[in-house]
Amino acid sequence: MIPFVVTMFLLAVLAISTGRLIRVRRRLREQKEAGLRCVRCGYDVGHQDVPRCPECGAAIGFRKTFAELGVEEGEVLEHKRRREVKSGTDKLRDSNKGNCDARIHRA
């Protein structure tokens, strides 16, 4: 009797877990296919150079415009440019790091 109850319990847990996994994967796939949407108006903003919705002017990820947030668009673009440059120098430093380590070990 006890092995039957344990087996049924484990099967129920497996069924529930599988159902949840399928729902989560479906939701993630739908979100990926939908792309990045404006939280204010729902416009597809996935391929914008400026992190601003061209439809309503809201900053991406916010329900407010840059003016309402107290930030100018130029500041945002400058910050984005600096992050890209910093990201590029980090990659360059990481790629050179391997070369430096190799030279140290050869000596």
PDB file of N, CA and C in Angstrom:
ATOM      1  N   MET A   1       0.816  -1.196   0.000  1.00  0.00           N
ATOM      2  CA  MET A   1       0.000   0.000   0.000  1.00  0.00           C
ATOM      3  C   MET A   1       0.861   1.262   0.000  1.00  0.00           C
ATOM      4  N   ILE A   2       1.883   1.293   0.846  1.00  0.00           N
ATOM      5  CA  ILE A   2       2.734   2.482   0.938  1.00  0.00           C
ATOM      6  C   ILE A   2       3.511   2.710  -0.368  1.00  0.00           C
ATOM      7  N   PRO A   3       4.117   1.693  -1.000  1.00  0.00           N
ATOM      8  CA  PRO A   3       4.812   1.943  -2.265  1.00  0.00           C
ATOM      9  C   PRO A   3       3.875   2.497  -3.340  1.00  0.00           C
ATOM     10  N   PHE A   4       2.616   2.057  -3.356  1.00  0.00           N
ATOM     11  CA  PHE A   4       1.658   2.560  -4.333  1.00  0.00           C
ATOM     12  C   PHE A   4       1.400   4.046  -4.115  1.00  0.00           C
ATOM     13  N   VAL A   5       1.230   4.451  -2.866  1.00  0.00           N
ATOM     14  CA  VAL A   5       0.969   5.863  -2.535  1.00  0.00           C
ATOM     15  C   VAL A   5       2.180   6.721  -2.899  1.00  0.00           C
ATOM     16  N   VAL A   6       3.370   6.240  -2.586  1.00  0.00           N
ATOM     17  CA  VAL A   6       4.590   6.981  -2.900  1.00  0.00           C
ATOM     18  C   VAL A   6       4.745   7.113  -4.417  1.00  0.00           C
ATOM     19  N   THR A   7       4.492   6.031  -5.134  1.00  0.00           N
ATOM     20  CA  THR A   7       4.594   6.060  -6.592  1.00  0.00           C
ATOM     21  C   THR A   7       3.595   7.049  -7.183  1.00  0.00           C
ATOM     22  N   MET A   8       2.378   7.034  -6.721  1.00  0.00           N
ATOM     23  CA  MET A   8       1.357   7.960  -7.232  1.00  0.00           C
ATOM     24  C   MET A   8       1.726   9.413  -6.898  1.00  0.00           C
ATOM     25  N   PHE A   9       2.258   9.629  -5.706  1.00  0.00           N
ATOM     26  CA  PHE A   9       2.681  10.975  -5.324  1.00  0.00           C
ATOM     27  C   PHE A   9       3.791  11.464  -6.246  1.00  0.00           C
ATOM     28  N   LEU A  10       4.788  10.616  -6.493  1.00  0.00           N
ATOM     29  CA  LEU A  10       5.893  11.008  -7.370  1.00  0.00           C
ATOM     30  C   LEU A  10       5.415  11.250  -8.797  1.00  0.00           C
ATOM     31  N   LEU A  11       4.489  10.456  -9.282  1.00  0.00           N
ATOM     32  CA  LEU A  11       3.934  10.682 -10.623  1.00  0.00           C
ATOM     33  C   LEU A  11       3.168  11.998 -10.691  1.00  0.00           C
ATOM     34  N   ALA A  12       2.433  12.317  -9.633  1.00  0.00           N
ATOM     35  CA  ALA A  12       1.705  13.592  -9.596  1.00  0.00           C
ATOM     36  C   ALA A  12       2.674  14.768  -9.606  1.00  0.00           C
ATOM     37  N   VAL A  13       3.741  14.680  -8.814  1.00  0.00           N
ATOM     38  CA  VAL A  13       4.754  15.746  -8.786  1.00  0.00           C
ATOM     39  C   VAL A  13       5.402  15.886 -10.162  1.00  0.00           C
ATOM     40  N   LEU A  14       5.705  14.778 -10.801  1.00  0.00           N
ATOM     41  CA  LEU A  14       6.308  14.805 -12.133  1.00  0.00           C
ATOM     42  C   LEU A  14       5.365  15.442 -13.147  1.00  0.00           C
ATOM     43  N   ALA A  15       4.095  15.112 -13.103  1.00  0.00           N
ATOM     44  CA  ALA A  15       3.115  15.677 -14.032  1.00  0.00           C
ATOM     45  C   ALA A  15       2.970  17.185 -13.825  1.00  0.00           C
ATOM     46  N   ILE A  16       2.891  17.611 -12.581  1.00  0.00           N
ATOM     47  CA  ILE A  16       2.755  19.044 -12.293  1.00  0.00           C
ATOM     48  C   ILE A  16       4.012  19.797 -12.741  1.00  0.00           C
ATOM     49  N   SER A  17       5.177  19.254 -12.444  1.00  0.00           N
ATOM     50  CA  SER A  17       6.437  19.901 -12.828  1.00  0.00           C
ATOM     51  C   SER A  17       6.556  20.009 -14.343  1.00  0.00           C
ATOM     52  N   THR A  18       6.193  18.956 -15.051  1.00  0.00           N
ATOM     53  CA  THR A  18       6.268  18.969 -16.509  1.00  0.00           C
ATOM     54  C   THR A  18       5.318  20.011 -17.087  1.00  0.00           C
ATOM     55  N   GLY A  19       4.108  20.083 -16.543  1.00  0.00           N
ATOM     56  CA  GLY A  19       3.147  21.086 -17.008  1.00  0.00           C
ATOM     57  C   GLY A  19       3.642  22.502 -16.803  1.00  0.00           C
ATOM     58  N   ARG A  20       4.230  22.751 -15.645  1.00  0.00           N
ATOM     59  CA  ARG A  20       4.770  24.095 -15.379  1.00  0.00           C
ATOM     60  C   ARG A  20       5.936  24.418 -16.298  1.00  0.00           C
ATOM     61  N   LEU A  21       6.804  23.455 -16.528  1.00  0.00           N
ATOM     62  CA  LEU A  21       7.942  23.666 -17.420  1.00  0.00           C
ATOM     63  C   LEU A  21       7.472  23.990 -18.830  1.00  0.00           C
ATOM     64  N   ILE A  22       6.476  23.286 -19.295  1.00  0.00           N
ATOM     65  CA  ILE A  22       5.947  23.550 -20.641  1.00  0.00           C
ATOM     66  C   ILE A  22       5.357  24.951 -20.715  1.00  0.00           C
ATOM     67  N   ARG A  23       4.610  25.360 -19.698  1.00  0.00           N
ATOM     68  CA  ARG A  23       4.019  26.706 -19.704  1.00  0.00           C
ATOM     69  C   ARG A  23       5.091  27.788 -19.663  1.00  0.00           C
ATOM     70  N   VAL A  24       6.119  27.614 -18.854  1.00  0.00           N
ATOM     71  CA  VAL A  24       7.189  28.609 -18.747  1.00  0.00           C
ATOM     72  C   VAL A  24       7.930  28.727 -20.079  1.00  0.00           C
ATOM     73  N   ARG A  25       8.256  27.585 -20.687  1.00  0.00           N
ATOM     74  CA  ARG A  25       8.959  27.628 -21.972  1.00  0.00           C
ATOM     75  C   ARG A  25       8.104  28.267 -23.057  1.00  0.00           C
ATOM     76  N   ARG A  26       6.805  27.998 -23.064  1.00  0.00           N
ATOM     77  CA  ARG A  26       5.910  28.608 -24.047  1.00  0.00           C
ATOM     78  C   ARG A  26       5.856  30.119 -23.856  1.00  0.00           C
ATOM     79  N   ARG A  27       5.752  30.559 -22.596  1.00  0.00           N
ATOM     80  CA  ARG A  27       5.695  31.991 -22.317  1.00  0.00           C
ATOM     81  C   ARG A  27       6.995  32.684 -22.744  1.00  0.00           C
ATOM     82  N   LEU A  28       8.142  32.066 -22.449  1.00  0.00           N
ATOM     83  CA  LEU A  28       9.418  32.646 -22.848  1.00  0.00           C
ATOM     84  C   LEU A  28       9.538  32.726 -24.366  1.00  0.00           C
ATOM     85  N   ARG A  29       9.088  31.693 -25.071  1.00  0.00           N
ATOM     86  CA  ARG A  29       9.138  31.704 -26.533  1.00  0.00           C
ATOM     87  C   ARG A  29       8.245  32.805 -27.095  1.00  0.00           C
ATOM     88  N   GLU A  30       7.050  32.978 -26.522  1.00  0.00           N
ATOM     89  CA  GLU A  30       6.139  34.025 -26.976  1.00  0.00           C
ATOM     90  C   GLU A  30       6.734  35.408 -26.742  1.00  0.00           C
ATOM     91  N   GLN A  31       7.374  35.605 -25.587  1.00  0.00           N
ATOM     92  CA  GLN A  31       7.997  36.895 -25.307  1.00  0.00           C
ATOM     93  C   GLN A  31       9.137  37.164 -26.269  1.00  0.00           C
ATOM     94  N   LYS A  32       9.921  36.136 -26.587  1.00  0.00           N
ATOM     95  CA  LYS A  32      11.040  36.301 -27.512  1.00  0.00           C
ATOM     96  C   LYS A  32      10.534  36.651 -28.903  1.00  0.00           C
ATOM     97  N   GLU A  33       9.469  35.996 -29.335  1.00  0.00           N
ATOM     98  CA  GLU A  33       8.911  36.269 -30.654  1.00  0.00           C
ATOM     99  C   GLU A  33       8.272  37.649 -30.713  1.00  0.00           C
ATOM    100  N   ALA A  34       7.693  38.096 -29.597  1.00  0.00           N
ATOM    101  CA  ALA A  34       7.033  39.394 -29.575  1.00  0.00           C
ATOM    102  C   ALA A  34       8.042  40.538 -29.630  1.00  0.00           C
ATOM    103  N   GLY A  35       9.249  40.309 -29.175  1.00  0.00           N
ATOM    104  CA  GLY A  35      10.254  41.363 -29.173  1.00  0.00           C
ATOM    105  C   GLY A  35      10.068  42.299 -28.000  1.00  0.00           C
ATOM    106  N   LEU A  36      10.872  43.351 -27.974  1.00  0.00           N
ATOM    107  CA  LEU A  36      10.813  44.332 -26.902  1.00  0.00           C
ATOM    108  C   LEU A  36       9.697  45.322 -27.205  1.00  0.00           C
ATOM    109  N   ARG A  37       8.799  45.495 -26.280  1.00  0.00           N
ATOM    110  CA  ARG A  37       7.646  46.375 -26.465  1.00  0.00           C
ATOM    111  C   ARG A  37       7.707  47.547 -25.494  1.00  0.00           C
ATOM    112  N   CYS A  38       7.165  48.669 -25.936  1.00  0.00           N
ATOM    113  CA  CYS A  38       7.054  49.852 -25.083  1.00  0.00           C
ATOM    114  C   CYS A  38       6.036  49.546 -23.985  1.00  0.00           C
ATOM    115  N   VAL A  39       6.371  49.878 -22.737  1.00  0.00           N
ATOM    116  CA  VAL A  39       5.457  49.598 -21.628  1.00  0.00           C
ATOM    117  C   VAL A  39       4.286  50.572 -21.621  1.00  0.00           C
ATOM    118  N   ARG A  40       4.429  51.685 -22.310  1.00  0.00           N
ATOM    119  CA  ARG A  40       3.373  52.693 -22.316  1.00  0.00           C
ATOM    120  C   ARG A  40       2.336  52.447 -23.411  1.00  0.00           C
ATOM    121  N   CYS A  41       2.800  52.139 -24.647  1.00  0.00           N
ATOM    122  CA  CYS A  41       1.852  52.008 -25.753  1.00  0.00           C
ATOM    123  C   CYS A  41       1.913  50.658 -26.464  1.00  0.00           C
ATOM    124  N   GLY A  42       2.917  49.815 -26.172  1.00  0.00           N
ATOM    125  CA  GLY A  42       3.006  48.502 -26.789  1.00  0.00           C
ATOM    126  C   GLY A  42       3.718  48.470 -28.130  1.00  0.00           C
ATOM    127  N   TYR A  43       4.295  49.584 -28.564  1.00  0.00           N
ATOM    128  CA  TYR A  43       4.995  49.653 -29.850  1.00  0.00           C
ATOM    129  C   TYR A  43       6.264  48.790 -29.799  1.00  0.00           C
ATOM    130  N   ASP A  44       6.599  48.131 -30.913  1.00  0.00           N
ATOM    131  CA  ASP A  44       7.801  47.298 -30.979  1.00  0.00           C
ATOM    132  C   ASP A  44       9.029  48.206 -31.040  1.00  0.00           C
ATOM    133  N   VAL A  45       9.836  48.209 -29.974  1.00  0.00           N
ATOM    134  CA  VAL A  45      11.008  49.081 -29.905  1.00  0.00           C
ATOM    135  C   VAL A  45      12.293  48.268 -29.872  1.00  0.00           C
ATOM    136  N   GLY A  46      12.260  47.068 -30.402  1.00  0.00           N
ATOM    137  CA  GLY A  46      13.411  46.175 -30.342  1.00  0.00           C
ATOM    138  C   GLY A  46      14.617  46.636 -31.125  1.00  0.00           C
ATOM    139  N   HIS A  47      14.441  47.388 -32.195  1.00  0.00           N
ATOM    140  CA  HIS A  47      15.562  47.751 -33.054  1.00  0.00           C
ATOM    141  C   HIS A  47      15.767  49.269 -33.105  1.00  0.00           C
ATOM    142  N   GLN A  48      15.620  49.934 -31.988  1.00  0.00           N
ATOM    143  CA  GLN A  48      15.786  51.382 -31.938  1.00  0.00           C
ATOM    144  C   GLN A  48      17.203  51.737 -31.523  1.00  0.00           C
ATOM    145  N   ASP A  49      17.783  52.743 -32.186  1.00  0.00           N
ATOM    146  CA  ASP A  49      19.104  53.237 -31.787  1.00  0.00           C
ATOM    147  C   ASP A  49      19.009  54.052 -30.506  1.00  0.00           C
ATOM    148  N   VAL A  50      17.945  54.826 -30.412  1.00  0.00           N
ATOM    149  CA  VAL A  50      17.707  55.653 -29.229  1.00  0.00           C
ATOM    150  C   VAL A  50      16.772  54.887 -28.306  1.00  0.00           C
ATOM    151  N   PRO A  51      17.092  54.807 -27.015  1.00  0.00           N
ATOM    152  CA  PRO A  51      16.213  54.066 -26.106  1.00  0.00           C
ATOM    153  C   PRO A  51      14.942  54.841 -25.785  1.00  0.00           C
ATOM    154  N   ARG A  52      14.182  55.149 -26.853  1.00  0.00           N
ATOM    155  CA  ARG A  52      12.948  55.917 -26.718  1.00  0.00           C
ATOM    156  C   ARG A  52      11.958  55.388 -27.736  1.00  0.00           C
ATOM    157  N   CYS A  53      10.702  55.291 -27.347  1.00  0.00           N
ATOM    158  CA  CYS A  53       9.651  54.826 -28.239  1.00  0.00           C
ATOM    159  C   CYS A  53       9.329  55.924 -29.252  1.00  0.00           C
ATOM    160  N   PRO A  54       9.396  55.606 -30.554  1.00  0.00           N
ATOM    161  CA  PRO A  54       9.080  56.635 -31.544  1.00  0.00           C
ATOM    162  C   PRO A  54       7.586  56.962 -31.592  1.00  0.00           C
ATOM    163  N   GLU A  55       6.765  56.094 -31.054  1.00  0.00           N
ATOM    164  CA  GLU A  55       5.314  56.290 -31.098  1.00  0.00           C
ATOM    165  C   GLU A  55       4.847  57.284 -30.036  1.00  0.00           C
ATOM    166  N   CYS A  56       5.240  57.061 -28.776  1.00  0.00           N
ATOM    167  CA  CYS A  56       4.732  57.908 -27.686  1.00  0.00           C
ATOM    168  C   CYS A  56       5.832  58.722 -27.000  1.00  0.00           C
ATOM    169  N   GLY A  57       7.103  58.432 -27.293  1.00  0.00           N
ATOM    170  CA  GLY A  57       8.200  59.192 -26.704  1.00  0.00           C
ATOM    171  C   GLY A  57       8.678  58.698 -25.355  1.00  0.00           C
ATOM    172  N   ALA A  58       8.102  57.632 -24.842  1.00  0.00           N
ATOM    173  CA  ALA A  58       8.500  57.114 -23.529  1.00  0.00           C
ATOM    174  C   ALA A  58       9.874  56.467 -23.617  1.00  0.00           C
ATOM    175  N   ALA A  59      10.645  56.605 -22.547  1.00  0.00           N
ATOM    176  CA  ALA A  59      11.939  55.934 -22.471  1.00  0.00           C
ATOM    177  C   ALA A  59      11.686  54.440 -22.367  1.00  0.00           C
ATOM    178  N   ILE A  60      12.515  53.640 -23.033  1.00  0.00           N
ATOM    179  CA  ILE A  60      12.314  52.198 -23.024  1.00  0.00           C
ATOM    180  C   ILE A  60      12.459  51.681 -21.593  1.00  0.00           C
ATOM    181  N   GLY A  61      11.466  50.953 -21.135  1.00  0.00           N
ATOM    182  CA  GLY A  61      11.453  50.413 -19.779  1.00  0.00           C
ATOM    183  C   GLY A  61      10.757  51.316 -18.776  1.00  0.00           C
ATOM    184  N   PHE A  62      10.311  52.501 -19.221  1.00  0.00           N
ATOM    185  CA  PHE A  62       9.630  53.444 -18.336  1.00  0.00           C
ATOM    186  C   PHE A  62       8.300  53.852 -18.953  1.00  0.00           C
ATOM    187  N   ARG A  63       7.404  54.343 -18.133  1.00  0.00           N
ATOM    188  CA  ARG A  63       6.134  54.864 -18.631  1.00  0.00           C
ATOM    189  C   ARG A  63       6.214  56.376 -18.852  1.00  0.00           C
ATOM    190  N   LYS A  64       7.381  56.956 -18.655  1.00  0.00           N
ATOM    191  CA  LYS A  64       7.549  58.400 -18.776  1.00  0.00           C
ATOM    192  C   LYS A  64       8.520  58.735 -19.895  1.00  0.00           C
ATOM    193  N   THR A  65       8.416  59.958 -20.399  1.00  0.00           N
ATOM    194  CA  THR A  65       9.348  60.437 -21.410  1.00  0.00           C
ATOM    195  C   THR A  65      10.636  60.875 -20.724  1.00  0.00           C
ATOM    196  N   PHE A  66      11.670  61.151 -21.529  1.00  0.00           N
ATOM    197  CA  PHE A  66      12.940  61.627 -20.967  1.00  0.00           C
ATOM    198  C   PHE A  66      12.728  62.926 -20.198  1.00  0.00           C
ATOM    199  N   ALA A  67      11.892  63.821 -20.733  1.00  0.00           N
ATOM    200  CA  ALA A  67      11.634  65.094 -20.058  1.00  0.00           C
ATOM    201  C   ALA A  67      10.973  64.871 -18.699  1.00  0.00           C
ATOM    202  N   GLU A  68      10.034  63.954 -18.645  1.00  0.00           N
ATOM    203  CA  GLU A  68       9.369  63.667 -17.374  1.00  0.00           C
ATOM    204  C   GLU A  68      10.326  63.023 -16.377  1.00  0.00           C
ATOM    205  N   LEU A  69      11.339  62.314 -16.888  1.00  0.00           N
ATOM    206  CA  LEU A  69      12.342  61.716 -16.008  1.00  0.00           C
ATOM    207  C   LEU A  69      13.439  62.703 -15.624  1.00  0.00           C
ATOM    208  N   GLY A  70      13.466  63.868 -16.282  1.00  0.00           N
ATOM    209  CA  GLY A  70      14.474  64.877 -15.979  1.00  0.00           C
ATOM    210  C   GLY A  70      15.807  64.607 -16.653  1.00  0.00           C
ATOM    211  N   VAL A  71      15.786  63.917 -17.794  1.00  0.00           N
ATOM    212  CA  VAL A  71      16.997  63.553 -18.515  1.00  0.00           C
ATOM    213  C   VAL A  71      16.841  63.995 -19.959  1.00  0.00           C
ATOM    214  N   GLU A  72      17.924  64.496 -20.544  1.00  0.00           N
ATOM    215  CA  GLU A  72      17.881  64.863 -21.954  1.00  0.00           C
ATOM    216  C   GLU A  72      18.311  63.675 -22.800  1.00  0.00           C
ATOM    217  N   GLU A  73      17.790  63.633 -24.022  1.00  0.00           N
ATOM    218  CA  GLU A  73      18.102  62.523 -24.919  1.00  0.00           C
ATOM    219  C   GLU A  73      19.599  62.446 -25.210  1.00  0.00           C
ATOM    220  N   GLY A  74      20.254  63.588 -25.314  1.00  0.00           N
ATOM    221  CA  GLY A  74      21.697  63.614 -25.563  1.00  0.00           C
ATOM    222  C   GLY A  74      22.487  62.942 -24.446  1.00  0.00           C
ATOM    223  N   GLU A  75      22.050  63.154 -23.207  1.00  0.00           N
ATOM    224  CA  GLU A  75      22.719  62.504 -22.071  1.00  0.00           C
ATOM    225  C   GLU A  75      22.613  60.985 -22.166  1.00  0.00           C
ATOM    226  N   VAL A  76      21.438  60.511 -22.548  1.00  0.00           N
ATOM    227  CA  VAL A  76      21.224  59.072 -22.660  1.00  0.00           C
ATOM    228  C   VAL A  76      22.100  58.493 -23.765  1.00  0.00           C
ATOM    229  N   LEU A  77      22.158  59.181 -24.904  1.00  0.00           N
ATOM    230  CA  LEU A  77      22.986  58.711 -26.012  1.00  0.00           C
ATOM    231  C   LEU A  77      24.466  58.708 -25.637  1.00  0.00           C
ATOM    232  N   GLU A  78      24.915  59.738 -24.921  1.00  0.00           N
ATOM    233  CA  GLU A  78      26.314  59.804 -24.483  1.00  0.00           C
ATOM    234  C   GLU A  78      26.626  58.667 -23.511  1.00  0.00           C
ATOM    235  N   HIS A  79      25.710  58.403 -22.588  1.00  0.00           N
ATOM    236  CA  HIS A  79      25.898  57.300 -21.637  1.00  0.00           C
ATOM    237  C   HIS A  79      25.970  55.970 -22.375  1.00  0.00           C
ATOM    238  N   LYS A  80      25.087  55.793 -23.362  1.00  0.00           N
ATOM    239  CA  LYS A  80      25.081  54.556 -24.143  1.00  0.00           C
ATOM    240  C   LYS A  80      26.398  54.398 -24.892  1.00  0.00           C
ATOM    241  N   ARG A  81      26.900  55.499 -25.480  1.00  0.00           N
ATOM    242  CA  ARG A  81      28.165  55.453 -26.221  1.00  0.00           C
ATOM    243  C   ARG A  81      29.324  55.094 -25.294  1.00  0.00           C
ATOM    244  N   ARG A  82      29.347  55.700 -24.089  1.00  0.00           N
ATOM    245  CA  ARG A  82      30.416  55.391 -23.136  1.00  0.00           C
ATOM    246  C   ARG A  82      30.370  53.940 -22.690  1.00  0.00           C
ATOM    247  N   ARG A  83      29.168  53.403 -22.490  1.00  0.00           N
ATOM    248  CA  ARG A  83      29.053  51.990 -22.107  1.00  0.00           C
ATOM    249  C   ARG A  83      29.570  51.081 -23.207  1.00  0.00           C
ATOM    250  N   GLU A  84      29.267  51.422 -24.477  1.00  0.00           N
ATOM    251  CA  GLU A  84      29.745  50.605 -25.592  1.00  0.00           C
ATOM    252  C   GLU A  84      31.259  50.669 -25.697  1.00  0.00           C
ATOM    253  N   VAL A  85      31.842  51.856 -25.495  1.00  0.00           N
ATOM    254  CA  VAL A  85      33.294  52.003 -25.541  1.00  0.00           C
ATOM    255  C   VAL A  85      33.932  51.231 -24.394  1.00  0.00           C
ATOM    256  N   LYS A  86      33.360  51.363 -23.189  1.00  0.00           N
ATOM    257  CA  LYS A  86      33.888  50.637 -22.028  1.00  0.00           C
ATOM    258  C   LYS A  86      33.795  49.136 -22.247  1.00  0.00           C
ATOM    259  N   SER A  87      32.684  48.696 -22.814  1.00  0.00           N
ATOM    260  CA  SER A  87      32.508  47.272 -23.095  1.00  0.00           C
ATOM    261  C   SER A  87      33.565  46.803 -24.080  1.00  0.00           C
ATOM    262  N   GLY A  88      33.860  47.613 -25.076  1.00  0.00           N
ATOM    263  CA  GLY A  88      34.888  47.260 -26.056  1.00  0.00           C
ATOM    264  C   GLY A  88      36.271  47.207 -25.435  1.00  0.00           C
ATOM    265  N   THR A  89      36.592  48.135 -24.527  1.00  0.00           N
ATOM    266  CA  THR A  89      37.912  48.116 -23.888  1.00  0.00           C
ATOM    267  C   THR A  89      38.028  46.945 -22.928  1.00  0.00           C
ATOM    268  N   ASP A  90      36.918  46.567 -22.284  1.00  0.00           N
ATOM    269  CA  ASP A  90      36.945  45.386 -21.409  1.00  0.00           C
ATOM    270  C   ASP A  90      37.248  44.139 -22.220  1.00  0.00           C
ATOM    271  N   LYS A  91      36.624  44.026 -23.389  1.00  0.00           N
ATOM    272  CA  LYS A  91      36.876  42.869 -24.244  1.00  0.00           C
ATOM    273  C   LYS A  91      38.320  42.854 -24.716  1.00  0.00           C
ATOM    274  N   LEU A  92      38.840  44.040 -25.084  1.00  0.00           N
ATOM    275  CA  LEU A  92      40.223  44.141 -25.536  1.00  0.00           C
ATOM    276  C   LEU A  92      41.171  43.759 -24.409  1.00  0.00           C
ATOM    277  N   ARG A  93      40.902  44.267 -23.195  1.00  0.00           N
ATOM    278  CA  ARG A  93      41.752  43.956 -22.057  1.00  0.00           C
ATOM    279  C   ARG A  93      41.718  42.457 -21.755  1.00  0.00           C
ATOM    280  N   ASP A  94      40.520  41.849 -21.831  1.00  0.00           N
ATOM    281  CA  ASP A  94      40.404  40.417 -21.569  1.00  0.00           C
ATOM    282  C   ASP A  94      41.147  39.600 -22.618  1.00  0.00           C
ATOM    283  N   SER A  95      41.110  40.038 -23.875  1.00  0.00           N
ATOM    284  CA  SER A  95      41.806  39.288 -24.919  1.00  0.00           C
ATOM    285  C   SER A  95      43.322  39.437 -24.762  1.00  0.00           C
ATOM    286  N   ASN A  96      43.778  40.592 -24.312  1.00  0.00           N
ATOM    287  CA  ASN A  96      45.210  40.794 -24.089  1.00  0.00           C
ATOM    288  C   ASN A  96      45.684  40.109 -22.812  1.00  0.00           C
ATOM    289  N   LYS A  97      44.783  39.902 -21.884  1.00  0.00           N
ATOM    290  CA  LYS A  97      45.145  39.283 -20.614  1.00  0.00           C
ATOM    291  C   LYS A  97      45.712  37.885 -20.846  1.00  0.00           C
ATOM    292  N   GLY A  98      45.108  37.154 -21.750  1.00  0.00           N
ATOM    293  CA  GLY A  98      45.618  35.820 -22.069  1.00  0.00           C
ATOM    294  C   GLY A  98      47.024  35.880 -22.621  1.00  0.00           C
ATOM    295  N   ASN A  99      47.300  36.875 -23.458  1.00  0.00           N
ATOM    296  CA  ASN A  99      48.636  37.020 -24.032  1.00  0.00           C
ATOM    297  C   ASN A  99      49.660  37.358 -22.951  1.00  0.00           C
ATOM    298  N   CYS A 100      49.284  38.235 -22.014  1.00  0.00           N
ATOM    299  CA  CYS A 100      50.199  38.600 -20.936  1.00  0.00           C
ATOM    300  C   CYS A 100      50.512  37.381 -20.076  1.00  0.00           C
ATOM    301  N   ASP A 101      49.508  36.610 -19.748  1.00  0.00           N
ATOM    302  CA  ASP A 101      49.734  35.415 -18.932  1.00  0.00           C
ATOM    303  C   ASP A 101      50.670  34.439 -19.645  1.00  0.00           C
ATOM    304  N   ALA A 102      50.496  34.324 -20.958  1.00  0.00           N
ATOM    305  CA  ALA A 102      51.355  33.386 -21.711  1.00  0.00           C
ATOM    306  C   ALA A 102      52.806  33.854 -21.686  1.00  0.00           C
ATOM    307  N   ARG A 103      53.031  35.169 -21.799  1.00  0.00           N
ATOM    308  CA  ARG A 103      54.396  35.685 -21.767  1.00  0.00           C
ATOM    309  C   ARG A 103      55.024  35.479 -20.392  1.00  0.00           C
ATOM    310  N   ILE A 104      54.240  35.634 -19.349  1.00  0.00           N
ATOM    311  CA  ILE A 104      54.769  35.453 -17.982  1.00  0.00           C
ATOM    312  C   ILE A 104      55.175  34.002 -17.775  1.00  0.00           C
ATOM    313  N   HIS A 105      54.374  33.084 -18.250  1.00  0.00           N
ATOM    314  CA  HIS A 105      54.673  31.667 -18.053  1.00  0.00           C
ATOM    315  C   HIS A 105      55.852  31.190 -18.890  1.00  0.00           C
ATOM    316  N   ARG A 106      56.098  31.856 -20.031  1.00  0.00           N
ATOM    317  CA  ARG A 106      57.228  31.457 -20.877  1.00  0.00           C
ATOM    318  C   ARG A 106      58.554  31.877 -20.284  1.00  0.00           C
ATOM    319  N   ALA A 107      58.562  32.965 -19.528  1.00  0.00           N
ATOM    320  CA  ALA A 107      59.816  33.528 -19.013  1.00  0.00           C
ATOM    321  C   ALA A 107      60.452  32.699 -17.941  1.00  0.00           C
TER     322      ALA A 107
END
